[in-house]
Amino acid sequence: MSKYMTRQRRALLDYLEAHADESLSAAQIAQALSAQEISVSAVYRNLSALEEEGRLHRSASGAGKELRYRYSGAELCRGCLHLSCTRCGRTFHLRRTDANRLVNAVAEEAGGFALDRAETVLYGVCGDCRGERR
């Protein structure tokens, strides 16, 4: 845990908590926080610290391999498998029953391999981006 909470860090955490269902680029986060006079360097510095603390997951997405960040400190993320849309960046939580079936199938097919639910993200294109709303 961080030793102190700066105004910039608090603003970043508030933003990430409010967008826990999204994978966001640092540029998107910085743009969203610019009205609060949070510098780009403060965003990057705090993203790095949150990642080191295990409260944030970084991944590359899309053809350009843009780095995206997903807040994992939210209670709803604990122990979930995540689905991430490579077009819009939205993150979905796979229902526990579906996640359990997937984890069990992987273990069965791969000789007992155990998926790390907190670190596993499945990438694809969501129904909204494909024009197939449910």
C-alpha atoms as a PDB file:
ATOM      1  CA  MET A   1       0.000   0.000   0.000  1.00  0.00           C
ATOM      2  CA  SER A   2       1.183   3.485  -0.752  1.00  0.00           C
ATOM      3  CA  LYS A   3       2.609   5.511   2.120  1.00  0.00           C
ATOM      4  CA  TYR A   4       0.607   8.626   1.290  1.00  0.00           C
ATOM      5  CA  MET A   5      -2.397   9.729  -0.734  1.00  0.00           C
ATOM      6  CA  THR A   6      -1.827  12.777  -2.913  1.00  0.00           C
ATOM      7  CA  ARG A   7      -4.620  14.763  -4.523  1.00  0.00           C
ATOM      8  CA  GLN A   8      -3.556  13.384  -7.906  1.00  0.00           C
ATOM      9  CA  ARG A   9      -3.565   9.779  -6.694  1.00  0.00           C
ATOM     10  CA  ARG A  10      -6.990  10.200  -5.088  1.00  0.00           C
ATOM     11  CA  ALA A  11      -8.399  11.678  -8.308  1.00  0.00           C
ATOM     12  CA  LEU A  12      -6.925   8.817 -10.340  1.00  0.00           C
ATOM     13  CA  LEU A  13      -8.285   6.165  -7.965  1.00  0.00           C
ATOM     14  CA  ASP A  14     -11.723   7.785  -7.976  1.00  0.00           C
ATOM     15  CA  TYR A  15     -11.715   7.792 -11.765  1.00  0.00           C
ATOM     16  CA  LEU A  16     -10.550   4.180 -12.020  1.00  0.00           C
ATOM     17  CA  GLU A  17     -13.122   3.005  -9.483  1.00  0.00           C
ATOM     18  CA  ALA A  18     -15.865   4.769 -11.450  1.00  0.00           C
ATOM     19  CA  HIS A  19     -14.649   3.031 -14.637  1.00  0.00           C
ATOM     20  CA  ALA A  20     -13.869  -0.419 -13.232  1.00  0.00           C
ATOM     21  CA  ASP A  21     -15.599  -2.069 -16.184  1.00  0.00           C
ATOM     22  CA  GLU A  22     -13.222  -0.540 -18.738  1.00  0.00           C
ATOM     23  CA  SER A  23      -9.700  -1.026 -19.978  1.00  0.00           C
ATOM     24  CA  LEU A  24      -8.314   2.459 -20.546  1.00  0.00           C
ATOM     25  CA  SER A  25      -5.194   3.881 -22.106  1.00  0.00           C
ATOM     26  CA  ALA A  26      -3.023   6.283 -20.116  1.00  0.00           C
ATOM     27  CA  ALA A  27      -3.915   8.980 -22.658  1.00  0.00           C
ATOM     28  CA  GLN A  28      -7.643   8.453 -22.047  1.00  0.00           C
ATOM     29  CA  ILE A  29      -7.127   8.660 -18.300  1.00  0.00           C
ATOM     30  CA  ALA A  30      -4.934  11.756 -18.552  1.00  0.00           C
ATOM     31  CA  GLN A  31      -7.489  13.455 -20.813  1.00  0.00           C
ATOM     32  CA  ALA A  32     -10.305  12.658 -18.384  1.00  0.00           C
ATOM     33  CA  LEU A  33      -8.307  14.083 -15.468  1.00  0.00           C
ATOM     34  CA  SER A  34      -6.981  17.156 -17.276  1.00  0.00           C
ATOM     35  CA  ALA A  35      -9.857  19.331 -16.016  1.00  0.00           C
ATOM     36  CA  GLN A  36      -8.663  18.560 -12.466  1.00  0.00           C
ATOM     37  CA  GLU A  37      -5.194  19.789 -13.424  1.00  0.00           C
ATOM     38  CA  ILE A  38      -3.582  16.372 -13.085  1.00  0.00           C
ATOM     39  CA  SER A  39      -0.407  16.241 -15.180  1.00  0.00           C
ATOM     40  CA  VAL A  40       0.283  13.443 -17.637  1.00  0.00           C
ATOM     41  CA  SER A  41       3.452  12.588 -15.718  1.00  0.00           C
ATOM     42  CA  ALA A  42       1.436  12.241 -12.482  1.00  0.00           C
ATOM     43  CA  VAL A  43      -0.950   9.877 -14.272  1.00  0.00           C
ATOM     44  CA  TYR A  44       1.910   7.680 -15.545  1.00  0.00           C
ATOM     45  CA  ARG A  45       3.714   7.753 -12.190  1.00  0.00           C
ATOM     46  CA  ASN A  46       0.584   6.722 -10.300  1.00  0.00           C
ATOM     47  CA  LEU A  47      -0.400   4.079 -12.849  1.00  0.00           C
ATOM     48  CA  SER A  48       3.024   2.530 -12.401  1.00  0.00           C
ATOM     49  CA  ALA A  49       2.736   2.586  -8.605  1.00  0.00           C
ATOM     50  CA  LEU A  50      -0.765   1.085  -8.664  1.00  0.00           C
ATOM     51  CA  GLU A  51       0.435  -1.676 -10.959  1.00  0.00           C
ATOM     52  CA  GLU A  52       3.325  -2.462  -8.585  1.00  0.00           C
ATOM     53  CA  GLU A  53       0.809  -2.632  -5.724  1.00  0.00           C
ATOM     54  CA  GLY A  54      -1.288  -5.139  -7.674  1.00  0.00           C
ATOM     55  CA  ARG A  55      -4.288  -2.816  -7.880  1.00  0.00           C
ATOM     56  CA  LEU A  56      -4.033  -2.304 -11.613  1.00  0.00           C
ATOM     57  CA  HIS A  57      -3.455  -4.659 -14.527  1.00  0.00           C
ATOM     58  CA  ARG A  58      -1.681  -3.539 -17.671  1.00  0.00           C
ATOM     59  CA  SER A  59      -2.150  -5.239 -21.015  1.00  0.00           C
ATOM     60  CA  ALA A  60      -1.554  -4.559 -24.688  1.00  0.00           C
ATOM     61  CA  SER A  61      -4.579  -4.555 -26.939  1.00  0.00           C
ATOM     62  CA  GLY A  62      -5.376  -4.117 -30.579  1.00  0.00           C
ATOM     63  CA  ALA A  63      -3.093  -4.253 -33.567  1.00  0.00           C
ATOM     64  CA  GLY A  64      -1.110  -1.235 -32.366  1.00  0.00           C
ATOM     65  CA  LYS A  65      -0.505  -2.933 -29.018  1.00  0.00           C
ATOM     66  CA  GLU A  66      -1.602   0.160 -27.120  1.00  0.00           C
ATOM     67  CA  LEU A  67      -1.153  -0.313 -23.399  1.00  0.00           C
ATOM     68  CA  ARG A  68      -4.410  -0.368 -21.498  1.00  0.00           C
ATOM     69  CA  TYR A  69      -5.057  -0.372 -17.768  1.00  0.00           C
ATOM     70  CA  ARG A  70      -7.819  -2.134 -15.855  1.00  0.00           C
ATOM     71  CA  TYR A  71      -8.459  -1.342 -12.219  1.00  0.00           C
ATOM     72  CA  SER A  72      -8.548  -4.548 -10.200  1.00  0.00           C
ATOM     73  CA  GLY A  73      -8.962  -3.027  -6.765  1.00  0.00           C
ATOM     74  CA  ALA A  74     -12.740  -2.982  -7.141  1.00  0.00           C
ATOM     75  CA  GLU A  75     -14.532  -5.678  -5.160  1.00  0.00           C
ATOM     76  CA  LEU A  76     -16.470  -6.817  -8.242  1.00  0.00           C
ATOM     77  CA  CYS A  77     -13.183  -7.763  -9.972  1.00  0.00           C
ATOM     78  CA  ARG A  78     -11.844 -10.065  -7.297  1.00  0.00           C
ATOM     79  CA  GLY A  79     -11.649 -13.642  -8.535  1.00  0.00           C
ATOM     80  CA  CYS A  80     -13.306 -12.896 -11.879  1.00  0.00           C
ATOM     81  CA  LEU A  81     -12.258 -13.823 -15.357  1.00  0.00           C
ATOM     82  CA  HIS A  82     -12.472 -10.801 -17.622  1.00  0.00           C
ATOM     83  CA  LEU A  83     -13.480 -10.365 -21.242  1.00  0.00           C
ATOM     84  CA  SER A  84     -12.076  -7.268 -22.927  1.00  0.00           C
ATOM     85  CA  CYS A  85     -13.300  -5.724 -26.177  1.00  0.00           C
ATOM     86  CA  THR A  86     -10.387  -4.826 -28.431  1.00  0.00           C
ATOM     87  CA  ARG A  87     -12.451  -2.139 -30.166  1.00  0.00           C
ATOM     88  CA  CYS A  88     -14.060  -0.120 -27.378  1.00  0.00           C
ATOM     89  CA  GLY A  89     -11.961  -1.264 -24.402  1.00  0.00           C
ATOM     90  CA  ARG A  90     -14.942  -2.244 -22.268  1.00  0.00           C
ATOM     91  CA  THR A  91     -14.308  -5.060 -19.817  1.00  0.00           C
ATOM     92  CA  PHE A  92     -16.916  -7.635 -18.904  1.00  0.00           C
ATOM     93  CA  HIS A  93     -16.923  -9.982 -15.929  1.00  0.00           C
ATOM     94  CA  LEU A  94     -17.578 -13.567 -16.930  1.00  0.00           C
ATOM     95  CA  ARG A  95     -20.306 -15.069 -14.742  1.00  0.00           C
ATOM     96  CA  ARG A  96     -18.850 -17.309 -12.057  1.00  0.00           C
ATOM     97  CA  THR A  97     -20.608 -20.424 -13.341  1.00  0.00           C
ATOM     98  CA  ASP A  98     -19.277 -19.818 -16.868  1.00  0.00           C
ATOM     99  CA  ALA A  99     -15.815 -18.993 -15.515  1.00  0.00           C
ATOM    100  CA  ASN A 100     -15.796 -22.177 -13.453  1.00  0.00           C
ATOM    101  CA  ARG A 101     -16.684 -24.252 -16.534  1.00  0.00           C
ATOM    102  CA  LEU A 102     -13.885 -22.612 -18.523  1.00  0.00           C
ATOM    103  CA  VAL A 103     -11.304 -23.000 -15.727  1.00  0.00           C
ATOM    104  CA  ASN A 104     -12.293 -26.651 -15.239  1.00  0.00           C
ATOM    105  CA  ALA A 105     -12.148 -27.363 -18.992  1.00  0.00           C
ATOM    106  CA  VAL A 106      -8.677 -25.844 -19.240  1.00  0.00           C
ATOM    107  CA  ALA A 107      -7.494 -27.865 -16.246  1.00  0.00           C
ATOM    108  CA  GLU A 108      -8.923 -31.056 -17.718  1.00  0.00           C
ATOM    109  CA  GLU A 109      -7.473 -30.526 -21.203  1.00  0.00           C
ATOM    110  CA  ALA A 110      -4.083 -29.225 -20.064  1.00  0.00           C
ATOM    111  CA  GLY A 111      -3.146 -31.770 -17.447  1.00  0.00           C
ATOM    112  CA  GLY A 112      -4.276 -29.842 -14.385  1.00  0.00           C
ATOM    113  CA  PHE A 113      -3.178 -26.394 -15.554  1.00  0.00           C
ATOM    114  CA  ALA A 114      -4.631 -23.786 -13.179  1.00  0.00           C
ATOM    115  CA  LEU A 115      -5.646 -20.432 -14.655  1.00  0.00           C
ATOM    116  CA  ASP A 116      -4.943 -17.371 -12.529  1.00  0.00           C
ATOM    117  CA  ARG A 117      -8.364 -15.715 -12.577  1.00  0.00           C
ATOM    118  CA  ALA A 118      -7.032 -12.331 -11.482  1.00  0.00           C
ATOM    119  CA  GLU A 119      -4.509 -12.231 -14.340  1.00  0.00           C
ATOM    120  CA  THR A 120      -6.563 -13.834 -17.105  1.00  0.00           C
ATOM    121  CA  VAL A 121      -8.199 -11.603 -19.714  1.00  0.00           C
ATOM    122  CA  LEU A 122      -9.855 -12.978 -22.835  1.00  0.00           C
ATOM    123  CA  TYR A 123      -9.812 -10.582 -25.786  1.00  0.00           C
ATOM    124  CA  GLY A 124     -12.416 -10.308 -28.513  1.00  0.00           C
ATOM    125  CA  VAL A 125     -15.095  -7.968 -29.857  1.00  0.00           C
ATOM    126  CA  CYS A 126     -18.211  -7.241 -27.794  1.00  0.00           C
ATOM    127  CA  GLY A 127     -21.755  -7.552 -29.126  1.00  0.00           C
ATOM    128  CA  ASP A 128     -22.233  -3.776 -29.222  1.00  0.00           C
ATOM    129  CA  CYS A 129     -19.162  -3.279 -31.417  1.00  0.00           C
ATOM    130  CA  ARG A 130     -20.241  -6.145 -33.685  1.00  0.00           C
ATOM    131  CA  GLY A 131     -23.756  -4.659 -33.871  1.00  0.00           C
ATOM    132  CA  GLU A 132     -25.300  -7.648 -32.100  1.00  0.00           C
ATOM    133  CA  ARG A 133     -26.837  -6.188 -28.968  1.00  0.00           C
ATOM    134  CA  ARG A 134     -28.621  -8.657 -26.717  1.00  0.00           C
END
